[in-house]
Protein backbone atom coordinates (compact mmCIF):
# COMPACT_ATOMS: atom_id res chain seq x y z
CA MET A 1 0.00 0.00 0.00
CA LYS A 2 2.94 2.32 0.67
CA THR A 3 4.08 1.92 -2.95
CA LEU A 4 0.59 2.79 -4.15
CA TRP A 5 0.59 6.10 -2.28
CA ALA A 6 4.15 6.84 -3.37
CA ALA A 7 3.06 6.39 -6.98
CA ALA A 8 0.17 8.78 -6.43
CA GLY A 9 2.69 11.48 -5.49
CA ASN A 10 3.48 11.97 -9.19
CA TRP A 11 0.62 14.36 -9.81
CA LYS A 12 0.96 14.66 -13.59
CA THR A 13 0.79 10.99 -14.49
CA THR A 14 -1.67 10.30 -11.68
CA THR A 15 -4.03 12.96 -13.06
CA VAL A 16 -3.87 11.47 -16.56
CA ALA A 17 -4.37 7.98 -15.14
CA VAL A 18 -7.47 8.97 -13.20
CA LEU A 19 -8.92 10.80 -16.22
CA ALA A 20 -8.25 7.79 -18.48
CA ALA A 21 -9.89 5.38 -16.04
CA VAL A 22 -12.91 7.61 -15.48
CA THR A 23 -13.37 8.14 -19.23
CA ALA A 24 -13.17 4.40 -19.91
CA VAL A 25 -15.61 3.46 -17.16
CA LEU A 26 -18.10 6.22 -18.02
CA GLY A 27 -17.98 5.27 -21.70
CA ALA A 28 -18.78 1.65 -20.87
CA ALA A 29 -21.45 2.67 -18.37
CA SER A 30 -23.20 4.97 -20.84
CA ALA A 31 -23.34 2.19 -23.44
CA LEU A 32 -24.54 -0.31 -20.84
CA LEU A 33 -27.17 1.90 -19.22
CA ASP A 34 -28.59 3.76 -22.23
CA GLY A 35 -31.78 1.67 -22.29
CA ASP A 36 -31.12 0.21 -25.73
CA PRO A 37 -30.52 -3.55 -25.52
CA ALA A 38 -28.75 -3.48 -28.90
CA THR A 39 -26.02 -1.20 -27.55
CA ASN A 40 -23.18 -3.05 -25.83
CA PRO A 41 -19.97 -1.64 -24.35
CA ASN A 42 -16.72 -2.44 -26.09
CA TRP A 43 -15.09 -4.32 -23.23
CA ASP A 44 -11.77 -4.77 -25.07
CA THR A 45 -11.31 -1.02 -25.37
CA THR A 46 -12.52 -0.42 -21.82
CA MET A 47 -10.11 -2.93 -20.30
CA THR A 48 -7.23 -1.65 -22.42
CA ALA A 49 -7.87 1.89 -21.19
CA VAL A 50 -8.08 0.72 -17.58
CA ILE A 51 -4.80 -1.20 -17.89
CA VAL A 52 -3.12 1.86 -19.42
CA ALA A 53 -4.50 3.95 -16.56
CA ILE A 54 -2.98 1.54 -14.03
CA GLY A 55 0.36 1.77 -15.83
CA LEU A 56 0.21 5.56 -15.81
CA PHE A 57 -0.71 5.56 -12.14
CA LEU A 58 2.38 3.54 -11.31
CA ALA A 59 4.68 5.47 -13.68
CA ARG A 60 7.09 8.18 -12.60
CA ASP A 61 7.09 11.69 -14.00
CA ALA A 62 9.97 12.53 -16.32
CA ASP A 63 11.11 15.45 -14.19
CA ASP A 64 11.39 13.42 -10.98
CA PRO A 65 14.99 13.44 -9.82
CA THR A 66 16.72 10.11 -9.98
CA PRO A 67 20.21 9.54 -8.72
CA PRO A 68 22.87 9.26 -11.43
CA PRO A 69 24.78 6.00 -11.76
CA LYS A 70 27.75 5.57 -9.44
CA PRO A 71 31.19 6.26 -10.93
CA GLY A 72 32.80 3.16 -12.31
CA VAL A 73 29.48 1.38 -12.92
CA THR A 74 28.99 0.45 -16.54
CA ILE A 75 25.69 -0.28 -18.19
CA ASN A 76 25.76 -3.55 -20.06
CA LYS A 77 24.91 -3.00 -23.70
CA PRO A 78 23.75 -5.83 -25.93
CA PRO A 79 26.44 -7.19 -28.24
CA GLU A 80 26.41 -5.79 -31.76
């Protein structure tokens, strides 16, 4: 749970995540509750949007400071 609240501290990506999830759920709800039995929600699109929203919620903002690599540490590159 601590990780969940730490992820919510990135206000930019958290805002986009919440908006994406709300839009997906409201779109499905409007198709489901419109009173027309021929109208069905597109569950594939809804679930894709919800999964993207979860990914955005857990993502870090680009301007968050991250420590640079320690001197002498090399990043392994794939062989060419």
